[in-house]
Amino acid sequence: MILPNVENLTMTDVTIFTRENNVVPDFKEKWGEGYFANALSFWSDFRKNYHEDQPHTLSLNELLFLLYYDFAIGGHAKDKGNPLPFYKWVFEQIKLADKAENS
């Protein structure tokens, strides 16, 4: 997996990465009819933990899903502001998870 350079991250980088690493179908299969409720709850908890600087134990696929989901609906969130600091943090977490799962 090739991650964008987080030091110079742009929304174009996020767009390309999320398009190339879409794991949503896996979660739709996993959650079935509960997909929308589970996805929103999972994402909301993740965003809350990020804002409260809480640690997480998410897998690589979970982080990829959350990045994609946030990119898809994040612009509609109450705390929308500049999303790049959050995406930079998520990419750092993806890098760590990828390294842990592939070492």
Protein backbone atom coordinates (compact mmCIF):
# COMPACT_ATOMS: atom_id res chain seq x y z
CA MET A 1 0.00 0.00 0.00
CA ILE A 2 1.37 3.38 -1.02
CA LEU A 3 0.40 6.18 1.33
CA PRO A 4 0.43 9.84 0.36
CA ASN A 5 3.04 12.14 1.82
CA VAL A 6 1.28 13.53 4.89
CA GLU A 7 3.58 16.54 5.10
CA ASN A 8 2.14 17.85 1.82
CA LEU A 9 -1.26 16.17 1.97
CA THR A 10 -4.00 17.56 -0.25
CA MET A 11 -7.66 16.70 -0.66
CA THR A 12 -6.72 15.30 -4.09
CA ASP A 13 -4.39 12.83 -2.34
CA VAL A 14 -7.21 11.79 -0.02
CA THR A 15 -9.61 11.41 -2.94
CA ILE A 16 -7.24 9.19 -4.90
CA PHE A 17 -6.31 7.09 -1.88
CA THR A 18 -9.89 6.50 -0.75
CA ARG A 19 -10.94 5.56 -4.29
CA GLU A 20 -8.08 3.04 -4.56
CA ASN A 21 -8.54 1.56 -1.06
CA ASN A 22 -12.30 1.24 -0.65
CA VAL A 23 -13.12 -1.50 1.88
CA VAL A 24 -16.77 -0.44 2.29
CA PRO A 25 -18.08 -3.58 0.51
CA ASP A 26 -16.40 -5.72 3.20
CA PHE A 27 -18.22 -3.81 5.95
CA LYS A 28 -21.53 -3.88 4.09
CA GLU A 29 -21.20 -7.66 3.93
CA LYS A 30 -20.14 -7.88 7.58
CA TRP A 31 -22.95 -5.67 8.93
CA GLY A 32 -25.67 -6.55 6.42
CA GLU A 33 -28.89 -4.65 7.00
CA GLY A 34 -27.36 -2.91 10.01
CA TYR A 35 -24.68 -1.30 7.83
CA PHE A 36 -25.88 2.31 7.98
CA ALA A 37 -26.47 2.36 11.74
CA ASN A 38 -23.22 0.51 12.49
CA ALA A 39 -21.18 2.67 10.12
CA LEU A 40 -22.48 5.91 11.59
CA SER A 41 -21.97 4.73 15.16
CA PHE A 42 -18.45 3.40 14.43
CA TRP A 43 -17.49 6.64 12.68
CA SER A 44 -19.02 8.84 15.42
CA ASP A 45 -17.14 6.97 18.15
CA PHE A 46 -13.91 7.23 16.15
CA ARG A 47 -14.28 10.98 15.62
CA LYS A 48 -15.10 11.47 19.32
CA ASN A 49 -12.02 9.50 20.36
CA TYR A 50 -9.87 11.52 17.96
CA HIS A 51 -11.12 14.83 19.38
CA GLU A 52 -10.57 13.57 22.93
CA ASP A 53 -7.09 12.22 22.01
CA GLN A 54 -8.09 8.72 23.10
CA PRO A 55 -6.04 5.69 22.00
CA HIS A 56 -7.52 3.12 19.67
CA THR A 57 -6.92 -0.50 18.73
CA LEU A 58 -8.31 -0.48 15.21
CA SER A 59 -7.22 -2.79 12.44
CA LEU A 60 -5.90 -1.60 9.10
CA ASN A 61 -9.22 -2.37 7.40
CA GLU A 62 -11.15 -0.51 10.08
CA LEU A 63 -8.94 2.55 9.63
CA LEU A 64 -9.33 2.37 5.84
CA PHE A 65 -13.09 2.15 6.26
CA LEU A 66 -13.20 5.09 8.65
CA LEU A 67 -11.07 7.22 6.34
CA TYR A 68 -13.36 6.43 3.41
CA TYR A 69 -16.52 6.99 5.45
CA ASP A 70 -15.26 10.28 6.85
CA PHE A 71 -14.27 11.44 3.39
CA ALA A 72 -17.72 10.54 2.07
CA ILE A 73 -19.79 12.19 4.81
CA GLY A 74 -17.34 14.32 6.77
CA GLY A 75 -18.23 17.47 4.89
CA HIS A 76 -21.71 17.15 6.36
CA ALA A 77 -20.45 16.87 9.96
CA LYS A 78 -21.06 19.59 12.53
CA ASP A 79 -17.33 20.05 13.19
CA LYS A 80 -16.36 20.20 9.53
CA GLY A 81 -13.59 22.83 9.61
CA ASN A 82 -10.32 21.89 7.86
CA PRO A 83 -10.24 18.09 7.52
CA LEU A 84 -6.55 17.78 6.60
CA PRO A 85 -5.15 17.56 10.17
CA PHE A 86 -7.57 14.71 10.87
CA TYR A 87 -6.68 12.94 7.60
CA LYS A 88 -2.96 13.34 8.32
CA TRP A 89 -3.50 11.70 11.69
CA VAL A 90 -5.54 8.88 10.12
CA PHE A 91 -2.81 8.25 7.53
CA GLU A 92 -0.23 8.01 10.32
CA GLN A 93 -2.46 5.46 12.07
CA ILE A 94 -2.86 3.53 8.79
CA LYS A 95 0.92 3.50 8.35
CA LEU A 96 1.38 2.08 11.86
CA ALA A 97 -1.36 -0.52 11.42
CA ASP A 98 -0.02 -1.58 8.02
CA LYS A 99 3.46 -1.99 9.46
CA ALA A 100 2.14 -3.99 12.44
CA GLU A 101 -0.03 -6.27 10.31
CA ASN A 102 2.64 -6.87 7.67
CA SER A 103 5.73 -7.37 9.82
